[in-house]
Amino acid sequence: MLTVQPIQIIFVPQGQEHQAVRRGISEQLSAKKSANSGSTVPVVVPVPVGKAPFREFLQIYSLPQKPLSVLLIGLCGSLTNQHQVGDVVVYGSCLDETGQRWECDRALTNQLCQVFNCQPVPAFTSDRLIHQATEKQQTYQKYQTEVVDMEGSSALEVLAVHGVAIGMIRIVSDDCQHDLPDLSTAFSADGSLRPLPLAIGMLRQPWAAARLIQGSLKGLKILQQVSQQLVFALNFDE
């Protein structure tokens, strides 16, 4: 089986995404009874949600000794009909609203694409949740990016200059054809969720909220499965 270069750190947005990744890795290691096999299991680090909070987190995060390869994994939204809920995407690059583009590590990206049988995609990192379908479609037209998240470019901006090899895998949890609830007030400045504004935002748009929940549950399930696949791809048990 194809294996990728050793990964020292896996960054994943805090909350349910982090929990899904931890479950996937822990369950697979337990099933293989390989947790104590002598291999180095990457550290799974929960990180703040959002472009600015994640950038600030990385600027003070203590990195291990070089050489270093890291993986950013989690959920994303689709900007084009090419990607539907549940699709696994491997990033080739990230672009932000300034138009600046950062490239993911080419060797690591190519290896991940072979593991997950896909082609690398260009991604857009937004400083806020894009909740309207029309804005998603406009973002695709303007930047020619295929998926959107809120953390990707921060990792490349802060870490790539230090020689860190970065790979990114995301699971699509919402499509480009339907609106999401407006949850702009649900995120605090430090990247954590605010329960009351989150609940209010969901209640104001119940149909959009139901679609968001359904897509998130599917995305989280596949995120857990992808994390299990990584146990083999990252060669945890040798």
C-alpha atoms as a PDB file:
ATOM      1  CA  MET A   1       0.000   0.000   0.000  1.00  0.00           C
ATOM      2  CA  LEU A   2       1.197   3.493  -0.825  1.00  0.00           C
ATOM      3  CA  THR A   3       2.426   5.399   2.204  1.00  0.00           C
ATOM      4  CA  VAL A   4       3.077   9.110   2.518  1.00  0.00           C
ATOM      5  CA  GLN A   5       6.029  10.819   4.124  1.00  0.00           C
ATOM      6  CA  PRO A   6       5.917  10.904   7.935  1.00  0.00           C
ATOM      7  CA  ILE A   7       3.511  13.447   9.406  1.00  0.00           C
ATOM      8  CA  GLN A   8       4.406  14.913  12.792  1.00  0.00           C
ATOM      9  CA  ILE A   9       1.282  17.028  13.405  1.00  0.00           C
ATOM     10  CA  ILE A  10      -2.339  16.901  12.294  1.00  0.00           C
ATOM     11  CA  PHE A  11      -4.189  20.195  12.744  1.00  0.00           C
ATOM     12  CA  VAL A  12      -7.997  19.997  12.823  1.00  0.00           C
ATOM     13  CA  PRO A  13     -10.636  22.609  13.774  1.00  0.00           C
ATOM     14  CA  GLN A  14     -11.710  22.221  17.380  1.00  0.00           C
ATOM     15  CA  GLY A  15     -15.027  20.686  18.312  1.00  0.00           C
ATOM     16  CA  GLN A  16     -16.785  17.964  16.361  1.00  0.00           C
ATOM     17  CA  GLU A  17     -14.208  17.849  13.574  1.00  0.00           C
ATOM     18  CA  HIS A  18     -11.407  17.241  16.071  1.00  0.00           C
ATOM     19  CA  GLN A  19     -13.480  14.585  17.826  1.00  0.00           C
ATOM     20  CA  ALA A  20     -14.202  12.782  14.541  1.00  0.00           C
ATOM     21  CA  VAL A  21     -10.511  12.669  13.625  1.00  0.00           C
ATOM     22  CA  ARG A  22      -9.491  11.429  17.064  1.00  0.00           C
ATOM     23  CA  ARG A  23     -12.158   8.719  16.958  1.00  0.00           C
ATOM     24  CA  GLY A  24     -11.087   7.557  13.524  1.00  0.00           C
ATOM     25  CA  ILE A  25      -7.418   7.315  14.394  1.00  0.00           C
ATOM     26  CA  SER A  26      -7.941   5.834  17.865  1.00  0.00           C
ATOM     27  CA  GLU A  27     -10.431   3.206  16.739  1.00  0.00           C
ATOM     28  CA  GLN A  28      -8.261   2.049  13.867  1.00  0.00           C
ATOM     29  CA  LEU A  29      -5.155   1.850  16.006  1.00  0.00           C
ATOM     30  CA  SER A  30      -7.096  -0.077  18.619  1.00  0.00           C
ATOM     31  CA  ALA A  31      -8.496  -2.479  16.022  1.00  0.00           C
ATOM     32  CA  LYS A  32      -5.012  -3.155  14.703  1.00  0.00           C
ATOM     33  CA  LYS A  33      -3.605  -3.311  18.242  1.00  0.00           C
ATOM     34  CA  SER A  34      -0.751  -1.169  17.011  1.00  0.00           C
ATOM     35  CA  ALA A  35      -0.799   1.798  19.350  1.00  0.00           C
ATOM     36  CA  ASN A  36       2.348   0.539  21.067  1.00  0.00           C
ATOM     37  CA  SER A  37       4.102  -0.799  17.995  1.00  0.00           C
ATOM     38  CA  GLY A  38       6.986   1.640  18.269  1.00  0.00           C
ATOM     39  CA  SER A  39       5.909   3.921  15.429  1.00  0.00           C
ATOM     40  CA  THR A  40       5.444   7.646  15.918  1.00  0.00           C
ATOM     41  CA  VAL A  41       1.780   8.606  15.842  1.00  0.00           C
ATOM     42  CA  PRO A  42       1.238  12.242  14.789  1.00  0.00           C
ATOM     43  CA  VAL A  43       0.023  14.666  17.410  1.00  0.00           C
ATOM     44  CA  VAL A  44      -3.606  15.624  16.688  1.00  0.00           C
ATOM     45  CA  VAL A  45      -3.993  19.288  17.618  1.00  0.00           C
ATOM     46  CA  PRO A  46      -7.387  21.060  17.898  1.00  0.00           C
ATOM     47  CA  VAL A  47      -7.145  24.579  16.485  1.00  0.00           C
ATOM     48  CA  PRO A  48      -9.358  27.689  16.533  1.00  0.00           C
ATOM     49  CA  VAL A  49     -11.941  28.131  13.793  1.00  0.00           C
ATOM     50  CA  GLY A  50     -11.367  31.067  11.480  1.00  0.00           C
ATOM     51  CA  LYS A  51      -8.602  32.614   9.436  1.00  0.00           C
ATOM     52  CA  ALA A  52      -7.352  35.198  11.952  1.00  0.00           C
ATOM     53  CA  PRO A  53      -7.679  33.068  15.124  1.00  0.00           C
ATOM     54  CA  PHE A  54      -5.841  30.174  13.461  1.00  0.00           C
ATOM     55  CA  ARG A  55      -3.074  32.480  12.229  1.00  0.00           C
ATOM     56  CA  GLU A  56      -2.607  33.863  15.749  1.00  0.00           C
ATOM     57  CA  PHE A  57      -2.563  30.317  17.154  1.00  0.00           C
ATOM     58  CA  LEU A  58       0.154  29.228  14.723  1.00  0.00           C
ATOM     59  CA  GLN A  59       2.312  32.267  15.451  1.00  0.00           C
ATOM     60  CA  ILE A  60       2.721  31.162  19.068  1.00  0.00           C
ATOM     61  CA  TYR A  61       2.552  27.382  18.550  1.00  0.00           C
ATOM     62  CA  SER A  62       5.808  25.619  19.439  1.00  0.00           C
ATOM     63  CA  LEU A  63       6.869  23.519  16.447  1.00  0.00           C
ATOM     64  CA  PRO A  64       9.051  20.403  16.832  1.00  0.00           C
ATOM     65  CA  GLN A  65      12.481  20.145  15.282  1.00  0.00           C
ATOM     66  CA  LYS A  66      12.762  20.200  11.486  1.00  0.00           C
ATOM     67  CA  PRO A  67      12.226  18.567   9.062  1.00  0.00           C
ATOM     68  CA  LEU A  68       8.515  18.834   9.651  1.00  0.00           C
ATOM     69  CA  SER A  69       5.430  17.730   7.733  1.00  0.00           C
ATOM     70  CA  VAL A  70       1.951  18.667   8.900  1.00  0.00           C
ATOM     71  CA  LEU A  71      -1.562  17.887   7.758  1.00  0.00           C
ATOM     72  CA  LEU A  72      -4.584  20.181   7.990  1.00  0.00           C
ATOM     73  CA  ILE A  73      -7.828  18.217   7.902  1.00  0.00           C
ATOM     74  CA  GLY A  74     -11.516  19.025   8.438  1.00  0.00           C
ATOM     75  CA  LEU A  75     -14.700  20.072   6.634  1.00  0.00           C
ATOM     76  CA  CYS A  76     -15.185  22.561   3.814  1.00  0.00           C
ATOM     77  CA  GLY A  77     -17.874  23.992   1.561  1.00  0.00           C
ATOM     78  CA  SER A  78     -18.230  23.547  -2.175  1.00  0.00           C
ATOM     79  CA  LEU A  79     -18.095  26.490  -4.578  1.00  0.00           C
ATOM     80  CA  THR A  80     -18.961  24.465  -7.693  1.00  0.00           C
ATOM     81  CA  ASN A  81     -21.233  21.642  -8.779  1.00  0.00           C
ATOM     82  CA  GLN A  82     -18.112  19.541  -9.309  1.00  0.00           C
ATOM     83  CA  HIS A  83     -18.036  18.798  -5.568  1.00  0.00           C
ATOM     84  CA  GLN A  84     -20.990  17.495  -3.579  1.00  0.00           C
ATOM     85  CA  VAL A  85     -21.562  16.770   0.095  1.00  0.00           C
ATOM     86  CA  GLY A  86     -19.375  13.876   1.207  1.00  0.00           C
ATOM     87  CA  ASP A  87     -16.625  14.330  -1.387  1.00  0.00           C
ATOM     88  CA  VAL A  88     -13.016  14.049  -0.216  1.00  0.00           C
ATOM     89  CA  VAL A  89     -10.804  16.819  -1.582  1.00  0.00           C
ATOM     90  CA  VAL A  90      -7.043  17.258  -1.394  1.00  0.00           C
ATOM     91  CA  TYR A  91      -5.856  20.851  -1.717  1.00  0.00           C
ATOM     92  CA  GLY A  92      -3.232  21.833  -4.226  1.00  0.00           C
ATOM     93  CA  SER A  93      -3.288  25.508  -3.246  1.00  0.00           C
ATOM     94  CA  CYS A  94      -5.127  28.132  -1.187  1.00  0.00           C
ATOM     95  CA  LEU A  95      -6.082  31.640  -2.215  1.00  0.00           C
ATOM     96  CA  ASP A  96      -7.544  34.416  -0.061  1.00  0.00           C
ATOM     97  CA  GLU A  97      -9.580  37.549  -0.729  1.00  0.00           C
ATOM     98  CA  THR A  98      -6.424  39.549  -1.551  1.00  0.00           C
ATOM     99  CA  GLY A  99      -5.803  37.233  -4.487  1.00  0.00           C
ATOM    100  CA  GLN A 100      -2.596  35.837  -3.017  1.00  0.00           C
ATOM    101  CA  ARG A 101      -2.090  32.135  -3.624  1.00  0.00           C
ATOM    102  CA  TRP A 102      -0.066  29.704  -1.528  1.00  0.00           C
ATOM    103  CA  GLU A 103       0.927  26.255  -2.776  1.00  0.00           C
ATOM    104  CA  CYS A 104       0.693  23.114  -0.645  1.00  0.00           C
ATOM    105  CA  ASP A 105       3.728  20.841  -0.563  1.00  0.00           C
ATOM    106  CA  ARG A 106       3.755  19.203  -3.991  1.00  0.00           C
ATOM    107  CA  ALA A 107       5.224  15.827  -3.025  1.00  0.00           C
ATOM    108  CA  LEU A 108       2.908  15.387  -0.046  1.00  0.00           C
ATOM    109  CA  THR A 109      -0.105  16.535  -2.090  1.00  0.00           C
ATOM    110  CA  ASN A 110       0.652  14.067  -4.881  1.00  0.00           C
ATOM    111  CA  GLN A 111       0.974  11.220  -2.394  1.00  0.00           C
ATOM    112  CA  LEU A 112      -2.306  12.114  -0.696  1.00  0.00           C
ATOM    113  CA  CYS A 113      -4.059  12.300  -4.066  1.00  0.00           C
ATOM    114  CA  GLN A 114      -2.881   8.766  -4.800  1.00  0.00           C
ATOM    115  CA  VAL A 115      -4.094   7.543  -1.420  1.00  0.00           C
ATOM    116  CA  PHE A 116      -7.544   9.080  -1.900  1.00  0.00           C
ATOM    117  CA  ASN A 117      -7.731   8.635  -5.685  1.00  0.00           C
ATOM    118  CA  CYS A 118      -8.392  12.273  -6.542  1.00  0.00           C
ATOM    119  CA  GLN A 119      -6.879  15.335  -8.212  1.00  0.00           C
ATOM    120  CA  PRO A 120      -5.679  18.372  -6.218  1.00  0.00           C
ATOM    121  CA  VAL A 121      -8.120  21.281  -6.096  1.00  0.00           C
ATOM    122  CA  PRO A 122      -7.645  25.047  -5.650  1.00  0.00           C
ATOM    123  CA  ALA A 123      -9.257  26.276  -2.444  1.00  0.00           C
ATOM    124  CA  PHE A 124     -10.426  29.653  -1.158  1.00  0.00           C
ATOM    125  CA  THR A 125      -9.931  30.674   2.463  1.00  0.00           C
ATOM    126  CA  SER A 126     -12.528  33.146   3.712  1.00  0.00           C
ATOM    127  CA  ASP A 127     -12.313  35.327   6.794  1.00  0.00           C
ATOM    128  CA  ARG A 128     -15.991  34.606   7.496  1.00  0.00           C
ATOM    129  CA  LEU A 129     -18.601  31.946   6.874  1.00  0.00           C
ATOM    130  CA  ILE A 130     -20.001  32.303   3.340  1.00  0.00           C
ATOM    131  CA  HIS A 131     -23.622  31.325   3.885  1.00  0.00           C
ATOM    132  CA  GLN A 132     -25.378  32.449   0.700  1.00  0.00           C
ATOM    133  CA  ALA A 133     -25.356  30.169  -2.338  1.00  0.00           C
ATOM    134  CA  THR A 134     -25.128  33.149  -4.688  1.00  0.00           C
ATOM    135  CA  GLU A 135     -21.976  34.400  -2.947  1.00  0.00           C
ATOM    136  CA  LYS A 136     -20.414  30.943  -3.181  1.00  0.00           C
ATOM    137  CA  GLN A 137     -21.039  30.898  -6.903  1.00  0.00           C
ATOM    138  CA  GLN A 138     -19.663  34.437  -7.246  1.00  0.00           C
ATOM    139  CA  THR A 139     -16.552  33.405  -5.304  1.00  0.00           C
ATOM    140  CA  TYR A 140     -15.989  30.546  -7.726  1.00  0.00           C
ATOM    141  CA  GLN A 141     -16.373  32.869 -10.711  1.00  0.00           C
ATOM    142  CA  LYS A 142     -14.060  35.513  -9.261  1.00  0.00           C
ATOM    143  CA  TYR A 143     -11.249  33.348  -7.909  1.00  0.00           C
ATOM    144  CA  GLN A 144     -11.672  30.070  -9.852  1.00  0.00           C
ATOM    145  CA  THR A 145     -11.408  28.091  -6.620  1.00  0.00           C
ATOM    146  CA  GLU A 146     -13.503  24.990  -6.045  1.00  0.00           C
ATOM    147  CA  VAL A 147     -13.967  24.736  -2.265  1.00  0.00           C
ATOM    148  CA  VAL A 148     -13.924  27.131   0.679  1.00  0.00           C
ATOM    149  CA  ASP A 149     -12.734  26.933   4.264  1.00  0.00           C
ATOM    150  CA  MET A 150     -11.708  29.386   6.992  1.00  0.00           C
ATOM    151  CA  GLU A 151      -8.210  28.185   7.917  1.00  0.00           C
ATOM    152  CA  GLY A 152      -6.203  26.932   4.934  1.00  0.00           C
ATOM    153  CA  SER A 153      -4.295  30.020   3.816  1.00  0.00           C
ATOM    154  CA  SER A 154      -3.277  30.821   7.397  1.00  0.00           C
ATOM    155  CA  ALA A 155      -1.395  27.537   7.691  1.00  0.00           C
ATOM    156  CA  LEU A 156       0.469  28.159   4.457  1.00  0.00           C
ATOM    157  CA  GLU A 157       1.127  31.814   5.193  1.00  0.00           C
ATOM    158  CA  VAL A 158       2.640  31.167   8.639  1.00  0.00           C
ATOM    159  CA  LEU A 159       4.270  27.745   8.305  1.00  0.00           C
ATOM    160  CA  ALA A 160       5.481  27.469   4.720  1.00  0.00           C
ATOM    161  CA  VAL A 161       8.013  30.269   5.218  1.00  0.00           C
ATOM    162  CA  HIS A 162       9.614  28.111   7.930  1.00  0.00           C
ATOM    163  CA  GLY A 163      10.105  25.215   5.532  1.00  0.00           C
ATOM    164  CA  VAL A 164       7.199  23.153   6.858  1.00  0.00           C
ATOM    165  CA  ALA A 165       5.697  20.755   4.294  1.00  0.00           C
ATOM    166  CA  ILE A 166       1.912  21.160   4.430  1.00  0.00           C
ATOM    167  CA  GLY A 167      -0.791  18.882   3.050  1.00  0.00           C
ATOM    168  CA  MET A 168      -4.526  19.526   3.303  1.00  0.00           C
ATOM    169  CA  ILE A 169      -7.506  17.177   3.165  1.00  0.00           C
ATOM    170  CA  ARG A 170     -11.096  18.343   3.542  1.00  0.00           C
ATOM    171  CA  ILE A 171     -14.544  16.757   3.360  1.00  0.00           C
ATOM    172  CA  VAL A 172     -17.309  18.724   1.638  1.00  0.00           C
ATOM    173  CA  SER A 173     -20.170  19.288   4.098  1.00  0.00           C
ATOM    174  CA  ASP A 174     -22.283  21.829   2.159  1.00  0.00           C
ATOM    175  CA  ASP A 175     -22.899  22.405  -1.537  1.00  0.00           C
ATOM    176  CA  CYS A 176     -23.007  25.563  -3.655  1.00  0.00           C
ATOM    177  CA  GLN A 177     -26.717  25.389  -4.451  1.00  0.00           C
ATOM    178  CA  HIS A 178     -28.317  26.044  -1.068  1.00  0.00           C
ATOM    179  CA  ASP A 179     -28.046  28.763   1.563  1.00  0.00           C
ATOM    180  CA  LEU A 180     -26.650  28.068   5.028  1.00  0.00           C
ATOM    181  CA  PRO A 181     -27.899  29.794   8.182  1.00  0.00           C
ATOM    182  CA  ASP A 182     -26.224  33.136   8.815  1.00  0.00           C
ATOM    183  CA  LEU A 183     -23.909  32.196  11.690  1.00  0.00           C
ATOM    184  CA  SER A 184     -21.641  35.236  11.434  1.00  0.00           C
ATOM    185  CA  THR A 185     -22.240  36.142  15.093  1.00  0.00           C
ATOM    186  CA  ALA A 186     -21.743  32.573  16.322  1.00  0.00           C
ATOM    187  CA  PHE A 187     -17.943  32.714  16.207  1.00  0.00           C
ATOM    188  CA  SER A 188     -16.019  34.557  18.896  1.00  0.00           C
ATOM    189  CA  ALA A 189     -12.812  36.457  18.270  1.00  0.00           C
ATOM    190  CA  ASP A 190     -10.745  33.525  19.553  1.00  0.00           C
ATOM    191  CA  GLY A 191     -12.315  31.079  17.084  1.00  0.00           C
ATOM    192  CA  SER A 192     -14.645  29.301  19.483  1.00  0.00           C
ATOM    193  CA  LEU A 193     -18.381  28.852  18.972  1.00  0.00           C
ATOM    194  CA  ARG A 194     -20.867  30.927  20.965  1.00  0.00           C
ATOM    195  CA  PRO A 195     -23.774  28.562  21.799  1.00  0.00           C
ATOM    196  CA  LEU A 196     -26.567  31.138  22.132  1.00  0.00           C
ATOM    197  CA  PRO A 197     -25.911  33.054  18.857  1.00  0.00           C
ATOM    198  CA  LEU A 198     -25.440  29.686  17.161  1.00  0.00           C
ATOM    199  CA  ALA A 199     -28.839  28.474  18.371  1.00  0.00           C
ATOM    200  CA  ILE A 200     -30.535  31.741  17.401  1.00  0.00           C
ATOM    201  CA  GLY A 201     -29.001  31.653  13.931  1.00  0.00           C
ATOM    202  CA  MET A 202     -30.178  28.082  13.404  1.00  0.00           C
ATOM    203  CA  LEU A 203     -33.713  28.824  14.639  1.00  0.00           C
ATOM    204  CA  ARG A 204     -34.091  31.821  12.336  1.00  0.00           C
ATOM    205  CA  GLN A 205     -33.520  29.646   9.259  1.00  0.00           C
ATOM    206  CA  PRO A 206     -34.750  26.156  10.183  1.00  0.00           C
ATOM    207  CA  TRP A 207     -34.665  24.655   6.682  1.00  0.00           C
ATOM    208  CA  ALA A 208     -31.141  25.876   6.051  1.00  0.00           C
ATOM    209  CA  ALA A 209     -30.183  24.713   9.533  1.00  0.00           C
ATOM    210  CA  ALA A 210     -31.565  21.232   8.888  1.00  0.00           C
ATOM    211  CA  ARG A 211     -29.573  21.025   5.655  1.00  0.00           C
ATOM    212  CA  LEU A 212     -26.422  22.217   7.453  1.00  0.00           C
ATOM    213  CA  ILE A 213     -26.852  19.608  10.178  1.00  0.00           C
ATOM    214  CA  GLN A 214     -27.471  16.831   7.673  1.00  0.00           C
ATOM    215  CA  GLY A 215     -24.431  17.797   5.606  1.00  0.00           C
ATOM    216  CA  SER A 216     -22.232  18.184   8.658  1.00  0.00           C
ATOM    217  CA  LEU A 217     -23.193  14.766  10.010  1.00  0.00           C
ATOM    218  CA  LYS A 218     -22.364  13.146   6.670  1.00  0.00           C
ATOM    219  CA  GLY A 219     -19.120  15.094   6.423  1.00  0.00           C
ATOM    220  CA  LEU A 220     -18.084  14.146   9.961  1.00  0.00           C
ATOM    221  CA  LYS A 221     -18.783  10.474   9.301  1.00  0.00           C
ATOM    222  CA  ILE A 222     -16.565  10.510   6.226  1.00  0.00           C
ATOM    223  CA  LEU A 223     -13.957  12.580   8.065  1.00  0.00           C
ATOM    224  CA  GLN A 224     -13.738   9.788  10.627  1.00  0.00           C
ATOM    225  CA  GLN A 225     -13.385   7.203   7.841  1.00  0.00           C
ATOM    226  CA  VAL A 226     -10.674   9.266   6.134  1.00  0.00           C
ATOM    227  CA  SER A 227      -8.828   9.466   9.440  1.00  0.00           C
ATOM    228  CA  GLN A 228      -8.943   5.686   9.645  1.00  0.00           C
ATOM    229  CA  GLN A 229      -7.467   5.468   6.125  1.00  0.00           C
ATOM    230  CA  LEU A 230      -4.673   7.758   7.219  1.00  0.00           C
ATOM    231  CA  VAL A 231      -3.620   5.199   9.819  1.00  0.00           C
ATOM    232  CA  PHE A 232      -2.520   3.019   6.909  1.00  0.00           C
ATOM    233  CA  ALA A 233      -1.349   5.813   4.605  1.00  0.00           C
ATOM    234  CA  LEU A 234       0.786   7.388   7.303  1.00  0.00           C
ATOM    235  CA  ASN A 235       2.208   3.987   8.224  1.00  0.00           C
ATOM    236  CA  PHE A 236       1.396   4.273  11.928  1.00  0.00           C
ATOM    237  CA  ASP A 237       1.872   0.576  12.611  1.00  0.00           C
ATOM    238  CA  GLU A 238       5.345  -0.166  11.325  1.00  0.00           C
END
